[in-house]
Amino acid sequence: MNINLILYILVAIFVLSGIAVFIWSLVDTIRVRSSADYSEIREEKIRAAKERFKNRKGND
């Protein structure tokens, strides 16, 4: 078998695996970022609810 063909196949496998790793890390970054945003929004809602409850309790 021709050595150039083997090298082309190995390079193609290396390039495809590099592209796959890049896409995987990009998706993971987006997922973590959206998770952090969701967590921050949730904490703000909880803080606002506690503040409303404290204000309501003080007015009674």
N, C-alpha and C. Protein backbone atom coordinates (compact mmCIF):
# COMPACT_ATOMS: atom_id res chain seq x y z
N MET A 1 0.85 -1.19 0.00
CA MET A 1 0.00 0.00 0.00
C MET A 1 0.89 1.25 0.00
N ASN A 2 0.42 2.26 -0.65
CA ASN A 2 1.21 3.48 -0.79
C ASN A 2 1.30 4.23 0.54
N ILE A 3 2.50 4.68 0.90
CA ILE A 3 2.71 5.36 2.18
C ILE A 3 1.98 6.71 2.21
N ASN A 4 1.87 7.38 1.05
CA ASN A 4 1.16 8.65 1.01
C ASN A 4 -0.32 8.50 1.35
N LEU A 5 -0.91 7.42 0.87
CA LEU A 5 -2.32 7.18 1.17
C LEU A 5 -2.54 6.97 2.66
N ILE A 6 -1.65 6.24 3.29
CA ILE A 6 -1.74 6.02 4.73
C ILE A 6 -1.60 7.35 5.48
N LEU A 7 -0.65 8.17 5.06
CA LEU A 7 -0.46 9.48 5.70
C LEU A 7 -1.69 10.38 5.51
N TYR A 8 -2.27 10.39 4.32
CA TYR A 8 -3.48 11.18 4.09
C TYR A 8 -4.62 10.73 4.99
N ILE A 9 -4.77 9.43 5.12
CA ILE A 9 -5.83 8.90 5.98
C ILE A 9 -5.58 9.30 7.44
N LEU A 10 -4.35 9.21 7.91
CA LEU A 10 -4.03 9.59 9.29
C LEU A 10 -4.26 11.08 9.52
N VAL A 11 -3.87 11.90 8.56
CA VAL A 11 -4.09 13.35 8.69
C VAL A 11 -5.58 13.65 8.69
N ALA A 12 -6.34 12.98 7.84
CA ALA A 12 -7.78 13.21 7.80
C ALA A 12 -8.43 12.83 9.13
N ILE A 13 -8.01 11.73 9.72
CA ILE A 13 -8.55 11.31 11.01
C ILE A 13 -8.19 12.34 12.08
N PHE A 14 -6.95 12.83 12.06
CA PHE A 14 -6.50 13.83 13.03
C PHE A 14 -7.30 15.12 12.89
N VAL A 15 -7.50 15.57 11.66
CA VAL A 15 -8.25 16.82 11.42
C VAL A 15 -9.70 16.66 11.85
N LEU A 16 -10.32 15.55 11.50
CA LEU A 16 -11.72 15.34 11.88
C LEU A 16 -11.89 15.25 13.39
N SER A 17 -10.94 14.60 14.06
CA SER A 17 -11.04 14.54 15.53
C SER A 17 -10.83 15.92 16.14
N GLY A 18 -9.96 16.74 15.56
CA GLY A 18 -9.76 18.11 16.04
C GLY A 18 -11.01 18.94 15.88
N ILE A 19 -11.68 18.81 14.75
CA ILE A 19 -12.94 19.54 14.53
C ILE A 19 -14.00 19.07 15.52
N ALA A 20 -14.06 17.76 15.76
CA ALA A 20 -15.04 17.24 16.70
C ALA A 20 -14.79 17.76 18.12
N VAL A 21 -13.53 17.81 18.54
CA VAL A 21 -13.20 18.33 19.87
C VAL A 21 -13.55 19.80 19.97
N PHE A 22 -13.27 20.57 18.91
CA PHE A 22 -13.60 22.00 18.91
C PHE A 22 -15.10 22.22 19.05
N ILE A 23 -15.89 21.48 18.28
CA ILE A 23 -17.35 21.62 18.35
C ILE A 23 -17.85 21.21 19.72
N TRP A 24 -17.32 20.12 20.27
CA TRP A 24 -17.74 19.64 21.59
C TRP A 24 -17.44 20.68 22.67
N SER A 25 -16.26 21.29 22.63
CA SER A 25 -15.91 22.29 23.64
C SER A 25 -16.76 23.55 23.48
N LEU A 26 -17.08 23.91 22.25
CA LEU A 26 -17.94 25.07 22.02
C LEU A 26 -19.34 24.83 22.58
N VAL A 27 -19.88 23.65 22.33
CA VAL A 27 -21.21 23.31 22.86
C VAL A 27 -21.18 23.28 24.38
N ASP A 28 -20.13 22.73 24.96
CA ASP A 28 -20.01 22.66 26.41
C ASP A 28 -19.91 24.05 27.02
N THR A 29 -19.16 24.95 26.38
CA THR A 29 -19.04 26.33 26.86
C THR A 29 -20.38 27.03 26.83
N ILE A 30 -21.12 26.85 25.75
CA ILE A 30 -22.45 27.49 25.65
C ILE A 30 -23.37 26.93 26.72
N ARG A 31 -23.32 25.62 26.94
CA ARG A 31 -24.20 25.00 27.94
C ARG A 31 -23.87 25.49 29.35
N VAL A 32 -22.59 25.58 29.68
CA VAL A 32 -22.18 26.04 31.01
C VAL A 32 -22.57 27.51 31.19
N ARG A 33 -22.38 28.31 30.15
CA ARG A 33 -22.71 29.73 30.24
C ARG A 33 -24.21 29.91 30.46
N SER A 34 -25.04 29.18 29.73
CA SER A 34 -26.49 29.32 29.89
C SER A 34 -26.91 28.79 31.26
N SER A 35 -26.24 27.77 31.76
CA SER A 35 -26.54 27.25 33.09
C SER A 35 -26.22 28.29 34.16
N ALA A 36 -25.10 28.97 34.00
CA ALA A 36 -24.72 30.01 34.97
C ALA A 36 -25.71 31.17 34.92
N ASP A 37 -26.15 31.55 33.73
CA ASP A 37 -27.15 32.62 33.61
C ASP A 37 -28.44 32.21 34.28
N TYR A 38 -28.87 30.97 34.07
CA TYR A 38 -30.10 30.49 34.68
C TYR A 38 -29.98 30.50 36.21
N SER A 39 -28.83 30.09 36.71
CA SER A 39 -28.62 30.06 38.15
C SER A 39 -28.66 31.47 38.73
N GLU A 40 -28.06 32.42 38.03
CA GLU A 40 -28.06 33.80 38.49
C GLU A 40 -29.48 34.38 38.51
N ILE A 41 -30.23 34.13 37.47
CA ILE A 41 -31.61 34.61 37.41
C ILE A 41 -32.44 33.99 38.53
N ARG A 42 -32.22 32.71 38.78
CA ARG A 42 -32.96 32.02 39.84
C ARG A 42 -32.63 32.63 41.21
N GLU A 43 -31.36 32.91 41.45
CA GLU A 43 -30.97 33.52 42.72
C GLU A 43 -31.59 34.90 42.89
N GLU A 44 -31.66 35.67 41.81
CA GLU A 44 -32.29 36.99 41.88
C GLU A 44 -33.78 36.87 42.20
N LYS A 45 -34.45 35.89 41.62
CA LYS A 45 -35.88 35.69 41.90
C LYS A 45 -36.09 35.31 43.36
N ILE A 46 -35.23 34.44 43.88
CA ILE A 46 -35.35 34.02 45.28
C ILE A 46 -35.11 35.22 46.19
N ARG A 47 -34.09 36.02 45.89
CA ARG A 47 -33.78 37.20 46.70
C ARG A 47 -34.95 38.18 46.68
N ALA A 48 -35.55 38.40 45.51
CA ALA A 48 -36.69 39.32 45.41
C ALA A 48 -37.89 38.78 46.18
N ALA A 49 -38.12 37.47 46.13
CA ALA A 49 -39.24 36.88 46.86
C ALA A 49 -39.03 37.02 48.36
N LYS A 50 -37.81 36.82 48.83
CA LYS A 50 -37.53 36.98 50.26
C LYS A 50 -37.74 38.43 50.69
N GLU A 51 -37.33 39.35 49.84
CA GLU A 51 -37.50 40.78 50.15
C GLU A 51 -38.98 41.14 50.20
N ARG A 52 -39.77 40.62 49.26
CA ARG A 52 -41.22 40.90 49.28
C ARG A 52 -41.85 40.31 50.54
N PHE A 53 -41.43 39.11 50.90
CA PHE A 53 -41.99 38.48 52.09
C PHE A 53 -41.62 39.28 53.36
N LYS A 54 -40.39 39.74 53.40
CA LYS A 54 -39.95 40.52 54.56
C LYS A 54 -40.75 41.83 54.63
N ASN A 55 -40.94 42.49 53.50
CA ASN A 55 -41.70 43.73 53.49
C ASN A 55 -43.16 43.50 53.85
N ARG A 56 -43.73 42.42 53.37
CA ARG A 56 -45.14 42.11 53.66
C ARG A 56 -45.29 41.80 55.14
N LYS A 57 -44.36 41.06 55.68
CA LYS A 57 -44.43 40.68 57.09
C LYS A 57 -44.28 41.91 57.98
N GLY A 58 -43.45 42.85 57.56
CA GLY A 58 -43.25 44.07 58.35
C GLY A 58 -44.46 44.99 58.30
N ASN A 59 -45.24 44.93 57.24
CA ASN A 59 -46.42 45.81 57.10
C ASN A 59 -47.63 45.29 57.84
N ASP A 60 -47.63 44.01 58.18
CA ASP A 60 -48.81 43.43 58.85
C ASP A 60 -48.91 43.86 60.29
